[in-house]
Amino acid sequence: MENINQKVLDKLDKIQIDIEFIKENIEEDGGLTEWAEKELDEARKRPNSESIPLEVVEEKILKK
């Protein structure tokens, strides 16, 4: 049981880090920072064939 609890706590820590990263890259008015806009533009230029399908990402997340 302790092992499962530790895994949950570890995942929550990672989520908290991700949330802080997101908060740092959103302006007060809700818009993206210049860096985030640039990254989004670059990501949109990439063909979908180079991306990992959402189903694969979900499977990896749910297995961990």
N, C-alpha and C. Protein backbone atom coordinates (compact mmCIF):
# COMPACT_ATOMS: atom_id res chain seq x y z
N MET A 1 0.82 -1.20 0.00
CA MET A 1 0.00 0.00 0.00
C MET A 1 0.87 1.26 0.00
N GLU A 2 1.93 1.23 0.78
CA GLU A 2 2.81 2.40 0.85
C GLU A 2 3.42 2.70 -0.51
N ASN A 3 3.76 1.65 -1.26
CA ASN A 3 4.34 1.84 -2.58
C ASN A 3 3.37 2.55 -3.52
N ILE A 4 2.11 2.18 -3.46
CA ILE A 4 1.09 2.82 -4.29
C ILE A 4 0.93 4.28 -3.88
N ASN A 5 0.89 4.54 -2.59
CA ASN A 5 0.77 5.92 -2.11
C ASN A 5 1.95 6.77 -2.57
N GLN A 6 3.13 6.21 -2.54
CA GLN A 6 4.32 6.95 -2.97
C GLN A 6 4.25 7.25 -4.46
N LYS A 7 3.75 6.30 -5.24
CA LYS A 7 3.61 6.53 -6.68
C LYS A 7 2.62 7.65 -6.95
N VAL A 8 1.53 7.67 -6.21
CA VAL A 8 0.53 8.74 -6.37
C VAL A 8 1.16 10.08 -6.00
N LEU A 9 1.88 10.12 -4.91
CA LEU A 9 2.52 11.37 -4.49
C LEU A 9 3.54 11.83 -5.52
N ASP A 10 4.29 10.90 -6.09
CA ASP A 10 5.27 11.25 -7.13
C ASP A 10 4.57 11.84 -8.35
N LYS A 11 3.45 11.25 -8.75
CA LYS A 11 2.71 11.76 -9.90
C LYS A 11 2.13 13.15 -9.60
N LEU A 12 1.65 13.33 -8.39
CA LEU A 12 1.12 14.64 -8.01
C LEU A 12 2.22 15.70 -8.03
N ASP A 13 3.41 15.34 -7.60
CA ASP A 13 4.55 16.27 -7.66
C ASP A 13 4.83 16.67 -9.10
N LYS A 14 4.81 15.69 -10.01
CA LYS A 14 5.07 15.98 -11.42
C LYS A 14 3.98 16.88 -11.99
N ILE A 15 2.74 16.62 -11.62
CA ILE A 15 1.63 17.45 -12.09
C ILE A 15 1.80 18.88 -11.59
N GLN A 16 2.19 19.03 -10.34
CA GLN A 16 2.39 20.36 -9.77
C GLN A 16 3.48 21.11 -10.52
N ILE A 17 4.55 20.42 -10.88
CA ILE A 17 5.63 21.04 -11.65
C ILE A 17 5.12 21.48 -13.01
N ASP A 18 4.31 20.62 -13.65
CA ASP A 18 3.74 20.96 -14.96
C ASP A 18 2.83 22.18 -14.86
N ILE A 19 2.03 22.24 -13.81
CA ILE A 19 1.13 23.38 -13.63
C ILE A 19 1.92 24.67 -13.45
N GLU A 20 2.98 24.61 -12.68
CA GLU A 20 3.82 25.80 -12.48
C GLU A 20 4.44 26.24 -13.80
N PHE A 21 4.87 25.28 -14.61
CA PHE A 21 5.44 25.60 -15.93
C PHE A 21 4.40 26.30 -16.79
N ILE A 22 3.19 25.78 -16.80
CA ILE A 22 2.11 26.38 -17.58
C ILE A 22 1.82 27.79 -17.09
N LYS A 23 1.72 27.96 -15.78
CA LYS A 23 1.44 29.28 -15.21
C LYS A 23 2.51 30.29 -15.58
N GLU A 24 3.75 29.85 -15.65
CA GLU A 24 4.86 30.74 -16.00
C GLU A 24 4.79 31.18 -17.45
N ASN A 25 4.11 30.42 -18.29
CA ASN A 25 4.08 30.71 -19.71
C ASN A 25 2.74 31.24 -20.20
N ILE A 26 1.91 31.69 -19.26
CA ILE A 26 0.65 32.34 -19.61
C ILE A 26 0.67 33.74 -19.01
N GLU A 27 0.35 34.70 -19.85
CA GLU A 27 0.32 36.10 -19.40
C GLU A 27 -0.88 36.32 -18.49
N GLU A 28 -0.88 37.43 -17.77
CA GLU A 28 -1.99 37.74 -16.87
C GLU A 28 -3.32 37.84 -17.60
N ASP A 29 -3.29 38.27 -18.87
CA ASP A 29 -4.53 38.40 -19.63
C ASP A 29 -4.98 37.07 -20.25
N GLY A 30 -4.27 36.00 -19.94
CA GLY A 30 -4.64 34.69 -20.45
C GLY A 30 -3.95 34.31 -21.74
N GLY A 31 -3.21 35.24 -22.33
CA GLY A 31 -2.49 34.95 -23.56
C GLY A 31 -1.18 34.23 -23.28
N LEU A 32 -0.59 33.69 -24.32
CA LEU A 32 0.68 32.99 -24.17
C LEU A 32 1.83 33.97 -24.16
N THR A 33 2.91 33.58 -23.50
CA THR A 33 4.13 34.39 -23.55
C THR A 33 4.70 34.28 -24.97
N GLU A 34 5.61 35.17 -25.28
CA GLU A 34 6.24 35.15 -26.61
C GLU A 34 6.90 33.79 -26.87
N TRP A 35 7.58 33.25 -25.87
CA TRP A 35 8.24 31.95 -26.03
C TRP A 35 7.21 30.86 -26.32
N ALA A 36 6.11 30.85 -25.57
CA ALA A 36 5.09 29.82 -25.75
C ALA A 36 4.43 29.93 -27.13
N GLU A 37 4.21 31.17 -27.60
CA GLU A 37 3.63 31.36 -28.93
C GLU A 37 4.57 30.81 -30.00
N LYS A 38 5.85 31.06 -29.84
CA LYS A 38 6.84 30.56 -30.80
C LYS A 38 6.85 29.03 -30.82
N GLU A 39 6.83 28.42 -29.63
CA GLU A 39 6.82 26.96 -29.54
C GLU A 39 5.55 26.38 -30.18
N LEU A 40 4.42 27.02 -29.95
CA LEU A 40 3.16 26.57 -30.52
C LEU A 40 3.19 26.67 -32.05
N ASP A 41 3.71 27.76 -32.56
CA ASP A 41 3.83 27.92 -34.02
C ASP A 41 4.70 26.82 -34.61
N GLU A 42 5.81 26.53 -33.96
CA GLU A 42 6.71 25.47 -34.45
C GLU A 42 6.02 24.11 -34.42
N ALA A 43 5.28 23.85 -33.35
CA ALA A 43 4.58 22.57 -33.23
C ALA A 43 3.52 22.42 -34.31
N ARG A 44 2.87 23.50 -34.65
CA ARG A 44 1.82 23.44 -35.68
C ARG A 44 2.40 23.19 -37.06
N LYS A 45 3.66 23.54 -37.27
CA LYS A 45 4.32 23.33 -38.56
C LYS A 45 4.67 21.86 -38.78
N ARG A 46 4.84 21.13 -37.68
CA ARG A 46 5.21 19.71 -37.77
C ARG A 46 4.05 18.89 -38.30
N PRO A 47 4.32 18.00 -39.25
CA PRO A 47 3.23 17.15 -39.74
C PRO A 47 2.74 16.20 -38.65
N ASN A 48 1.47 15.87 -38.68
CA ASN A 48 0.89 14.96 -37.69
C ASN A 48 1.58 13.60 -37.69
N SER A 49 2.12 13.22 -38.84
CA SER A 49 2.78 11.91 -38.93
C SER A 49 4.01 11.83 -38.03
N GLU A 50 4.56 12.97 -37.63
CA GLU A 50 5.71 13.00 -36.73
C GLU A 50 5.30 13.01 -35.26
N SER A 51 4.03 13.11 -35.01
CA SER A 51 3.53 13.18 -33.63
C SER A 51 3.15 11.79 -33.12
N ILE A 52 3.13 11.67 -31.81
CA ILE A 52 2.66 10.44 -31.18
C ILE A 52 1.14 10.54 -31.06
N PRO A 53 0.43 9.52 -31.53
CA PRO A 53 -1.04 9.56 -31.44
C PRO A 53 -1.51 9.69 -29.98
N LEU A 54 -2.60 10.40 -29.79
CA LEU A 54 -3.16 10.62 -28.46
C LEU A 54 -3.43 9.30 -27.74
N GLU A 55 -3.89 8.31 -28.47
CA GLU A 55 -4.18 7.01 -27.85
C GLU A 55 -2.93 6.40 -27.22
N VAL A 56 -1.79 6.54 -27.89
CA VAL A 56 -0.53 6.00 -27.37
C VAL A 56 -0.12 6.74 -26.10
N VAL A 57 -0.28 8.06 -26.13
CA VAL A 57 0.07 8.86 -24.95
C VAL A 57 -0.82 8.47 -23.77
N GLU A 58 -2.12 8.33 -24.03
CA GLU A 58 -3.05 7.93 -22.96
C GLU A 58 -2.68 6.57 -22.38
N GLU A 59 -2.34 5.63 -23.24
CA GLU A 59 -1.96 4.31 -22.77
C GLU A 59 -0.73 4.37 -21.87
N LYS A 60 0.25 5.16 -22.28
CA LYS A 60 1.48 5.28 -21.48
C LYS A 60 1.20 5.93 -20.14
N ILE A 61 0.34 6.93 -20.12
CA ILE A 61 0.02 7.61 -18.87
C ILE A 61 -0.75 6.68 -17.93
N LEU A 62 -1.72 5.98 -18.49
CA LEU A 62 -2.56 5.12 -17.65
C LEU A 62 -1.81 3.90 -17.14
N LYS A 63 -0.78 3.44 -17.84
CA LYS A 63 -0.02 2.28 -17.39
C LYS A 63 0.92 2.64 -16.25
N LYS A 64 1.29 3.91 -16.13
CA LYS A 64 2.26 4.30 -15.09
C LYS A 64 1.62 4.55 -13.79
